[in-house]
Protein backbone atom coordinates (compact mmCIF):
# COMPACT_ATOMS: atom_id res chain seq x y z
CA UNK A 1 33.66 -63.56 6.40
CA UNK A 2 32.32 -65.27 9.52
CA UNK A 3 35.33 -67.66 9.54
CA UNK A 4 37.77 -64.76 9.40
CA UNK A 5 35.98 -62.97 12.26
CA UNK A 6 36.02 -66.19 14.33
CA UNK A 7 39.67 -66.69 13.62
CA UNK A 8 40.43 -63.11 14.66
CA UNK A 9 38.41 -63.39 17.83
CA UNK A 10 40.22 -66.71 18.67
CA UNK A 11 43.58 -65.05 18.11
CA UNK A 12 42.59 -62.09 20.36
CA UNK A 13 41.34 -64.45 23.01
CA UNK A 14 44.58 -66.44 22.82
CA UNK A 15 46.70 -63.30 23.15
CA UNK A 16 44.62 -62.14 26.11
CA UNK A 17 45.10 -65.46 27.89
CA UNK A 18 48.82 -65.39 27.13
CA UNK A 19 49.05 -61.78 28.40
CA UNK A 20 47.29 -62.78 31.63
CA UNK A 21 49.62 -65.76 32.24
CA UNK A 22 52.77 -63.68 31.52
CA UNK A 23 51.64 -60.86 33.86
CA UNK A 24 50.92 -63.31 36.75
CA UNK A 25 54.17 -65.28 36.22
CA UNK A 26 56.80 -62.57 35.58
CA UNK A 27 57.74 -59.16 36.98
CA UNK A 28 55.91 -56.34 35.17
CA UNK A 29 58.82 -55.00 33.06
CA UNK A 30 59.80 -58.49 31.97
CA UNK A 31 56.16 -59.39 31.34
CA UNK A 32 55.68 -56.38 29.09
CA UNK A 33 58.86 -57.12 27.13
CA UNK A 34 57.96 -60.78 26.70
CA UNK A 35 54.42 -60.09 25.57
CA UNK A 36 55.79 -57.43 23.07
CA UNK A 37 58.14 -60.02 21.79
CA UNK A 38 55.35 -62.56 21.38
CA UNK A 39 53.31 -60.00 19.35
CA UNK A 40 56.38 -59.44 17.18
CA UNK A 41 56.71 -63.20 16.84
CA UNK A 42 53.14 -63.39 15.47
CA UNK A 43 53.93 -60.63 13.00
CA UNK A 44 57.13 -62.35 11.98
CA UNK A 45 55.29 -65.43 10.94
CA UNK A 46 53.63 -63.43 8.22
CA UNK A 47 56.70 -61.36 7.30
CA UNK A 48 59.94 -63.18 8.15
CA UNK A 49 62.19 -60.26 7.09
CA UNK A 50 60.58 -58.33 9.87
CA UNK A 51 62.16 -60.78 12.31
CA UNK A 52 65.60 -60.08 10.90
CA UNK A 53 65.05 -56.30 11.43
CA UNK A 54 63.83 -56.73 14.99
CA UNK A 55 66.63 -59.20 15.77
CA UNK A 56 69.30 -56.71 14.80
CA UNK A 57 67.62 -53.84 16.58
CA UNK A 58 67.79 -56.02 19.72
CA UNK A 59 71.32 -57.08 18.95
CA UNK A 60 72.73 -53.64 18.22
CA UNK A 61 70.66 -51.06 20.04
CA UNK A 62 70.45 -53.44 23.13
CA UNK A 63 67.20 -51.80 24.39
CA UNK A 64 66.74 -54.69 26.76
CA UNK A 65 69.89 -53.47 28.56
CA UNK A 66 69.93 -49.68 27.73
CA UNK A 67 66.26 -48.95 28.50
CA UNK A 68 64.54 -51.87 30.15
CA UNK A 69 67.15 -53.43 32.48
CA UNK A 70 66.36 -56.86 31.12
CA UNK A 71 69.80 -58.32 30.27
CA UNK A 72 68.68 -61.87 31.03
CA UNK A 73 65.47 -61.82 29.04
CA UNK A 74 67.04 -63.49 25.98
CA UNK A 75 64.69 -61.61 23.69
CA UNK A 76 67.02 -61.99 20.73
CA UNK A 77 66.75 -65.80 21.10
CA UNK A 78 62.93 -65.61 21.07
CA UNK A 79 62.87 -63.35 17.97
CA UNK A 80 65.53 -65.39 16.09
CA UNK A 81 63.62 -68.61 16.86
CA UNK A 82 60.35 -67.11 15.43
CA UNK A 83 62.26 -65.78 12.42
CA UNK A 84 63.87 -69.13 11.67
CA UNK A 85 60.52 -70.95 11.83
CA UNK A 86 58.91 -68.35 9.64
CA UNK A 87 61.70 -68.49 7.12
CA UNK A 88 61.46 -72.29 6.91
CA UNK A 89 57.72 -72.13 6.37
CA UNK A 90 58.30 -69.42 3.71
CA UNK A 91 60.79 -71.55 1.85
CA UNK A 92 58.63 -74.70 2.17
CA UNK A 93 55.96 -72.89 0.10
CA UNK A 94 58.37 -71.17 -2.37
CA UNK A 95 61.71 -73.10 -2.29
CA UNK A 96 64.60 -71.09 -3.65
CA UNK A 97 68.02 -72.03 -2.31
CA UNK A 98 70.07 -70.28 -4.97
CA UNK A 99 71.61 -68.03 -2.36
CA UNK A 100 73.64 -71.09 -1.09
CA UNK A 101 75.60 -71.36 -4.29
CA UNK A 102 78.20 -68.74 -3.34
CA UNK A 103 81.51 -70.16 -1.96
CA UNK A 104 81.19 -67.96 1.15
CA UNK A 105 78.49 -70.37 2.34
CA UNK A 106 80.80 -73.30 2.03
CA UNK A 107 83.50 -71.62 4.11
CA UNK A 108 81.04 -70.56 6.81
CA UNK A 109 79.93 -74.25 7.01
CA UNK A 110 83.51 -75.43 7.19
CA UNK A 111 84.34 -72.89 9.95
CA UNK A 112 81.14 -73.85 11.84
CA UNK A 113 82.11 -77.54 11.67
CA UNK A 114 85.66 -77.07 12.93
CA UNK A 115 84.48 -74.80 15.75
CA UNK A 116 82.41 -77.71 16.91
CA UNK A 117 85.12 -80.33 16.33
CA UNK A 118 87.54 -78.22 18.35
CA UNK A 119 85.29 -78.67 21.39
CA UNK A 120 85.35 -82.43 20.95
CA UNK A 121 89.00 -83.12 19.73
CA UNK A 122 91.13 -80.17 20.77
CA UNK A 123 93.82 -80.97 23.30
CA UNK A 124 92.11 -78.90 25.95
CA UNK A 125 88.67 -79.09 24.36
CA UNK A 126 85.53 -79.67 26.34
CA UNK A 127 81.91 -79.39 25.19
CA UNK A 128 81.10 -75.66 25.40
CA UNK A 129 77.36 -75.69 25.25
CA UNK A 130 77.14 -71.84 25.93
CA UNK A 131 79.57 -70.80 23.21
CA UNK A 132 78.40 -73.34 20.67
CA UNK A 133 74.88 -72.09 21.14
CA UNK A 134 76.20 -68.53 20.46
CA UNK A 135 77.90 -69.63 17.28
CA UNK A 136 74.89 -71.74 16.19
CA UNK A 137 72.58 -68.74 16.53
CA UNK A 138 75.10 -66.44 14.73
CA UNK A 139 75.57 -68.79 11.74
CA UNK A 140 71.86 -69.50 11.47
CA UNK A 141 71.01 -65.84 11.36
CA UNK A 142 73.77 -65.48 8.69
CA UNK A 143 71.85 -67.87 6.42
CA UNK A 144 68.49 -66.34 7.28
CA UNK A 145 69.79 -62.86 6.18
CA UNK A 146 71.04 -64.40 2.96
CA UNK A 147 67.74 -66.02 2.27
CA UNK A 148 65.56 -62.99 3.08
CA UNK A 149 67.70 -59.87 2.14
CA UNK A 150 66.76 -60.12 -1.50
CA UNK A 151 66.57 -56.45 -2.68
CA UNK A 152 68.45 -53.13 -2.36
CA UNK A 153 65.59 -51.85 -0.28
CA UNK A 154 65.85 -54.66 2.33
CA UNK A 155 69.57 -54.24 2.41
CA UNK A 156 69.12 -50.51 2.96
CA UNK A 157 66.72 -51.15 5.77
CA UNK A 158 69.17 -53.41 7.62
CA UNK A 159 71.92 -50.85 7.03
CA UNK A 160 69.76 -48.09 8.53
CA UNK A 161 69.17 -50.35 11.56
CA UNK A 162 72.91 -50.47 12.00
CA UNK A 163 73.40 -46.73 11.55
CA UNK A 164 70.62 -45.69 13.87
CA UNK A 165 71.13 -48.34 16.55
CA UNK A 166 74.81 -47.89 16.92
CA UNK A 167 74.53 -44.19 16.34
CA UNK A 168 72.39 -44.03 19.39
CA UNK A 169 74.93 -46.05 21.42
CA UNK A 170 77.51 -43.40 20.37
CA UNK A 171 75.33 -40.74 21.93
CA UNK A 172 74.81 -42.96 25.00
CA UNK A 173 78.57 -43.40 25.35
CA UNK A 174 79.11 -39.58 25.27
CA UNK A 175 76.32 -39.12 27.81
CA UNK A 176 78.01 -41.60 30.20
CA UNK A 177 81.32 -39.78 29.80
CA UNK A 178 80.10 -36.21 29.90
CA UNK A 179 77.26 -36.36 32.39
CA UNK A 180 77.70 -39.47 34.55
CA UNK A 181 81.38 -39.27 35.30
CA UNK A 182 82.54 -42.42 33.52
CA UNK A 183 86.25 -42.31 32.94
CA UNK A 184 86.61 -45.23 30.49
CA UNK A 185 83.29 -46.02 28.79
CA UNK A 186 82.26 -49.57 28.13
CA UNK A 187 79.17 -50.91 26.51
CA UNK A 188 75.70 -51.15 28.06
CA UNK A 189 74.75 -53.99 30.41
CA UNK A 190 76.97 -55.82 32.80
CA UNK A 191 80.20 -57.85 32.43
CA UNK A 192 79.85 -60.50 29.81
CA UNK A 193 77.16 -58.69 27.85
CA UNK A 194 77.52 -58.02 24.13
CA UNK A 195 79.72 -54.91 23.57
CA UNK A 196 80.33 -54.54 27.28
CA UNK A 197 84.10 -54.75 26.87
CA UNK A 198 85.66 -51.43 25.95
CA UNK A 199 87.49 -52.98 22.96
CA UNK A 200 84.17 -54.57 21.65
CA UNK A 201 82.30 -51.33 22.20
CA UNK A 202 84.98 -49.36 20.28
CA UNK A 203 84.99 -51.80 17.41
CA UNK A 204 81.19 -51.75 16.92
CA UNK A 205 81.29 -47.98 16.80
CA UNK A 206 84.14 -48.05 14.32
CA UNK A 207 82.32 -50.39 12.05
CA UNK A 208 79.17 -48.15 12.15
CA UNK A 209 81.04 -44.96 11.19
CA UNK A 210 81.12 -45.77 7.46
CA UNK A 211 77.39 -46.47 7.57
CA UNK A 212 76.77 -43.06 9.05
CA UNK A 213 79.13 -41.35 6.61
CA UNK A 214 77.72 -42.82 3.44
CA UNK A 215 74.05 -42.39 4.49
CA UNK A 216 74.97 -38.74 5.15
CA UNK A 217 77.01 -38.40 1.93
CA UNK A 218 74.42 -39.77 -0.52
CA UNK A 219 71.21 -39.17 1.44
CA UNK A 220 68.31 -37.47 -0.36
CA UNK A 221 66.87 -35.80 2.69
CA UNK A 222 69.10 -32.82 3.71
CA UNK A 223 67.80 -32.67 7.29
CA UNK A 224 68.60 -36.36 7.82
CA UNK A 225 72.04 -35.86 6.22
CA UNK A 226 72.72 -32.88 8.53
CA UNK A 227 71.65 -35.05 11.54
CA UNK A 228 74.01 -37.83 10.56
CA UNK A 229 76.81 -35.30 9.98
CA UNK A 230 76.22 -33.97 13.49
CA UNK A 231 76.35 -37.58 14.80
CA UNK A 232 79.78 -38.34 13.31
CA UNK A 233 81.82 -36.36 15.93
CA UNK A 234 79.98 -38.23 18.67
CA UNK A 235 80.86 -41.54 17.01
CA UNK A 236 84.54 -40.55 16.79
CA UNK A 237 84.64 -39.28 20.37
CA UNK A 238 82.75 -42.44 21.50
CA UNK A 239 85.72 -44.45 20.22
CA UNK A 240 88.18 -42.21 21.96
CA UNK A 241 86.53 -42.51 25.37
CA UNK A 242 86.72 -46.30 25.38
CA UNK A 243 90.55 -45.81 25.52
CA UNK A 244 90.91 -48.67 23.03
CA UNK A 245 94.07 -48.51 21.03
CA UNK A 246 92.80 -51.07 18.60
CA UNK A 247 89.63 -49.14 18.28
CA UNK A 248 91.62 -45.91 17.46
CA UNK A 249 93.66 -47.66 14.73
CA UNK A 250 90.44 -49.20 13.28
CA UNK A 251 88.83 -45.72 13.17
CA UNK A 252 91.90 -44.28 11.41
CA UNK A 253 91.74 -47.23 8.89
CA UNK A 254 88.07 -46.69 8.17
CA UNK A 255 88.32 -42.94 7.81
CA UNK A 256 91.47 -43.25 5.57
CA UNK A 257 89.55 -45.61 3.37
CA UNK A 258 86.59 -43.21 3.18
CA UNK A 259 88.93 -40.31 2.33
CA UNK A 260 90.69 -42.27 -0.37
CA UNK A 261 87.36 -43.21 -1.97
CA UNK A 262 86.31 -39.60 -2.36
CA UNK A 263 86.98 -38.20 -5.87
CA UNK A 264 87.53 -34.62 -4.66
CA UNK A 265 91.06 -34.09 -3.35
CA UNK A 266 89.80 -31.11 -1.35
CA UNK A 267 87.30 -33.30 0.39
CA UNK A 268 89.99 -35.87 1.07
CA UNK A 269 92.19 -33.18 2.56
CA UNK A 270 89.26 -31.84 4.55
CA UNK A 271 88.53 -35.21 6.07
CA UNK A 272 92.15 -35.55 7.10
CA UNK A 273 92.45 -32.09 8.57
CA UNK A 274 89.11 -32.31 10.48
CA UNK A 275 90.17 -35.73 11.85
CA UNK A 276 93.55 -34.42 13.09
CA UNK A 277 91.98 -31.29 14.59
CA UNK A 278 89.26 -33.31 16.27
CA UNK A 279 91.77 -35.72 17.74
CA UNK A 280 94.10 -32.97 19.06
CA UNK A 281 91.14 -30.99 20.57
CA UNK A 282 89.07 -33.81 22.06
CA UNK A 283 91.17 -36.91 22.56
CA UNK A 284 92.56 -35.80 26.00
CA UNK A 285 96.06 -36.03 27.22
CA UNK A 286 95.57 -39.42 28.94
CA UNK A 287 94.30 -41.03 25.73
CA UNK A 288 97.09 -39.41 23.71
CA UNK A 289 99.65 -40.66 26.15
CA UNK A 290 98.20 -44.17 25.90
CA UNK A 291 98.22 -44.06 22.11
CA UNK A 292 101.84 -42.92 22.13
CA UNK A 293 102.76 -46.38 23.58
CA UNK A 294 101.61 -48.07 20.30
CA UNK A 295 105.14 -47.52 18.79
CA UNK A 296 106.97 -48.10 22.02
CA UNK A 297 106.25 -51.79 22.27
CA UNK A 298 109.56 -52.67 23.91
CA UNK A 299 108.82 -50.47 26.91
CA UNK A 300 105.05 -50.95 27.00
CA UNK A 301 104.11 -53.89 29.18
CA UNK A 302 100.75 -54.37 27.34
CA UNK A 303 102.44 -54.40 23.98
CA UNK A 304 105.19 -56.83 24.97
CA UNK A 305 102.56 -59.05 26.63
CA UNK A 306 100.59 -59.06 23.43
CA UNK A 307 103.70 -60.19 21.43
CA UNK A 308 104.26 -62.93 23.95
CA UNK A 309 100.63 -64.03 23.69
CA UNK A 310 100.92 -64.11 19.89
CA UNK A 311 104.00 -66.30 20.31
CA UNK A 312 102.18 -68.68 22.61
CA UNK A 313 99.15 -68.78 20.28
CA UNK A 314 101.36 -69.73 17.30
CA UNK A 315 102.87 -72.51 19.43
CA UNK A 316 99.40 -73.74 20.25
CA UNK A 317 98.39 -73.74 16.57
CA UNK A 318 101.60 -75.46 15.45
CA UNK A 319 101.21 -78.18 18.12
CA UNK A 320 97.50 -78.73 17.35
CA UNK A 321 97.11 -77.84 13.62
CA UNK A 322 93.79 -79.58 12.93
CA UNK A 323 91.47 -78.92 15.89
CA UNK A 324 93.48 -76.42 18.02
CA UNK A 325 93.51 -76.40 21.78
CA UNK A 326 89.69 -76.17 21.91
CA UNK A 327 87.08 -73.52 21.52
CA UNK A 328 87.47 -70.83 24.27
CA UNK A 329 90.42 -72.77 25.77
CA UNK A 330 93.15 -70.27 24.89
CA UNK A 331 93.59 -69.09 28.50
CA UNK A 332 93.47 -72.59 29.82
CA UNK A 333 96.23 -73.83 27.44
CA UNK A 334 98.36 -70.68 27.75
CA UNK A 335 100.52 -71.78 30.77
CA UNK A 336 101.55 -74.96 28.76
CA UNK A 337 103.05 -72.80 26.00
CA UNK A 338 104.43 -69.73 27.80
CA UNK A 339 105.73 -68.63 31.22
CA UNK A 340 104.09 -65.23 30.72
CA UNK A 341 100.91 -64.14 32.50
CA UNK A 342 97.94 -65.74 30.59
CA UNK A 343 96.01 -63.38 28.31
CA UNK A 344 93.94 -63.61 25.09
CA UNK A 345 95.78 -63.36 21.80
CA UNK A 346 94.53 -59.84 20.86
CA UNK A 347 94.62 -61.00 17.26
CA UNK A 348 91.71 -62.65 15.54
CA UNK A 349 93.75 -64.90 13.34
CA UNK A 350 96.10 -66.08 16.08
CA UNK A 351 93.19 -66.66 18.51
CA UNK A 352 91.18 -68.72 15.99
CA UNK A 353 94.17 -70.71 14.74
CA UNK A 354 95.18 -71.58 18.28
CA UNK A 355 91.76 -72.58 19.50
CA UNK A 356 90.24 -74.21 16.39
CA UNK A 357 93.14 -75.05 14.06
CA UNK A 358 94.36 -74.03 10.68
CA UNK A 359 91.36 -75.21 8.70
CA UNK A 360 89.06 -72.93 10.71
CA UNK A 361 91.36 -69.90 10.31
CA UNK A 362 91.75 -70.67 6.63
CA UNK A 363 87.96 -70.67 6.21
CA UNK A 364 87.80 -67.42 8.15
CA UNK A 365 90.48 -65.83 5.95
CA UNK A 366 88.77 -67.10 2.79
CA UNK A 367 85.51 -65.37 3.94
CA UNK A 368 87.40 -62.09 4.17
CA UNK A 369 89.01 -62.42 0.67
CA UNK A 370 85.68 -63.47 -0.98
CA UNK A 371 83.88 -60.58 0.74
CA UNK A 372 86.48 -58.13 -0.59
CA UNK A 373 86.11 -59.61 -4.13
CA UNK A 374 82.26 -59.31 -3.89
CA UNK A 375 82.66 -55.67 -2.97
CA UNK A 376 85.01 -55.18 -5.93
CA UNK A 377 82.58 -56.77 -8.34
CA UNK A 378 79.71 -54.71 -6.97
CA UNK A 379 81.72 -51.50 -7.33
CA UNK A 380 82.42 -52.28 -10.96
CA UNK A 381 78.73 -52.79 -11.67
CA UNK A 382 77.57 -49.44 -10.26
CA UNK A 383 78.04 -47.42 -13.47
CA UNK A 384 76.07 -50.08 -15.36
CA UNK A 385 73.01 -49.89 -13.19
CA UNK A 386 70.02 -47.81 -13.83
CA UNK A 387 70.14 -44.28 -12.33
CA UNK A 388 67.63 -44.88 -9.53
CA UNK A 389 69.59 -47.89 -8.29
CA UNK A 390 73.05 -46.32 -8.45
CA UNK A 391 72.68 -44.09 -5.38
CA UNK A 392 71.48 -46.91 -3.18
CA UNK A 393 74.11 -49.45 -4.28
CA UNK A 394 76.95 -46.85 -4.10
CA UNK A 395 75.83 -46.05 -0.55
CA UNK A 396 75.67 -49.67 0.55
CA UNK A 397 78.98 -50.61 -1.11
CA UNK A 398 80.82 -47.73 0.43
CA UNK A 399 79.39 -48.50 3.85
CA UNK A 400 80.15 -52.19 3.66
CA UNK A 401 83.76 -51.75 2.37
CA UNK A 402 84.59 -49.00 4.95
CA UNK A 403 83.14 -51.18 7.73
CA UNK A 404 85.18 -54.18 6.59
CA UNK A 405 88.40 -52.10 6.63
CA UNK A 406 87.61 -50.99 10.18
CA UNK A 407 87.01 -54.53 11.25
CA UNK A 408 90.20 -55.82 9.72
CA UNK A 409 92.34 -53.26 11.27
CA UNK A 410 90.74 -53.72 14.72
CA UNK A 411 90.78 -57.47 14.37
CA UNK A 412 94.55 -57.45 13.86
CA UNK A 413 94.99 -55.98 17.39
CA UNK A 414 91.90 -57.52 19.09
CA UNK A 415 90.39 -60.99 19.27
CA UNK A 416 87.26 -60.44 17.23
CA UNK A 417 86.89 -63.65 15.23
CA UNK A 418 83.52 -64.24 16.87
CA UNK A 419 82.12 -60.76 16.21
CA UNK A 420 78.53 -61.16 14.94
CA UNK A 421 78.70 -57.84 13.14
CA UNK A 422 81.40 -59.32 10.85
CA UNK A 423 79.23 -62.22 9.75
CA UNK A 424 76.30 -59.95 9.14
CA UNK A 425 78.58 -57.83 7.05
CA UNK A 426 79.63 -60.84 5.04
CA UNK A 427 75.95 -61.75 4.46
CA UNK A 428 75.09 -58.17 3.41
CA UNK A 429 77.93 -58.03 0.94
CA UNK A 430 77.04 -61.34 -0.45
CA UNK A 431 73.41 -60.35 -0.91
CA UNK A 432 74.34 -57.04 -2.50
CA UNK A 433 76.63 -58.93 -4.99
CA UNK A 434 73.80 -61.33 -5.81
CA UNK A 435 71.15 -58.54 -6.20
CA UNK A 436 73.29 -56.36 -8.38
CA UNK A 437 74.25 -59.23 -10.64
CA UNK A 438 70.53 -60.15 -11.03
CA UNK A 439 69.75 -56.48 -11.91
CA UNK A 440 72.21 -56.41 -14.69
CA UNK A 441 70.89 -59.72 -16.22
CA UNK A 442 67.37 -58.19 -16.26
CA UNK A 443 68.43 -54.89 -17.87
CA UNK A 444 68.35 -54.58 -21.64
CA UNK A 445 71.81 -54.54 -23.30
CA UNK A 446 71.13 -50.98 -24.51
CA UNK A 447 70.64 -49.71 -20.97
CA UNK A 448 73.87 -51.28 -19.74
CA UNK A 449 75.87 -49.75 -22.61
CA UNK A 450 74.26 -46.38 -21.98
């Protein structure tokens, strides 16, 4: 008992000294945020999954930018570092690397390798320390999620983090538009921040809509479900006020998928009618005029420029099939392959093939196909699960599949091959596939037949 008290006293003393050093060294707001992160880091060492939860709260809700004004604090890096160390210690005590056996992990590693090789051997490649650090963190977190999200409950917790965090950003976007006079709403923070670009911000809201819908649709608490139902119009309108055409198409794709999945034809019709009425009433004439140019690509300078950029990207990929022109070197290489004004590809597959080669884009495409197959297997297992598990798995599978559809539609018109939400989605789907398969193995044969 005395040893435990001494250890607790030493820990409190250490935290007090750390707090004093931080307060003296940094401005007050940053000092408070850093000290809070340190406390979280200590907690994460005991419960590594807590680090995953906190990481994605910081990554999606962006409180460091929305509330604290601390865009440069790099709190996600601190939390992800503590989570990684904790996970490594956890697995050193109880090693279980069975989560690595899925082919998705192989294709993630292949893509990771060729992203790096493109910086070294691409025709315009140069070492991109900043962007490789971003990809390194993203892929490491992918494997950490796979290792630690080992139950339906943990997957549900992460899914609620997505729904609540991005749901709040939908409200934040509407507040900027309605009460702060923003004409085109971008994400929080400053240029270069995550989700700052209007297209990125639209896409993250599109991918969150299925999470909000399915937690509303199958939630047990009626008040929570009503709250989520009230949040949906703000999410739809949040996409509209970014003025992103790719975001609009992605939203249409996600909602169409949700409608098709509903068994009641009256509910399917209701979703369609409400969506059309909502768009006509709240989209605004300026946004409707912009959307009207989607089909007028020959007259629309943006659309024709996009087609020219696709052509240039395909030329880059054909000329550099193995390593591409180099990670983040699309704009640099563009003048050598087109006389048009340089611009990004606005297509995830073209951008990735041009920058990192056909092997990288092949691995990326394989990830998408394998994720879709995992969702299909999971959906087939739902009737075989025990009753208390069906609701959770049905909710998660619906949210994941709708989000994937939204991503794929948006990704065809936007360069989103590096979108962290996608790789989290791949990890969540893979974990759900693994968890449900394990559930069925443990169930008696009689229960599965019943």
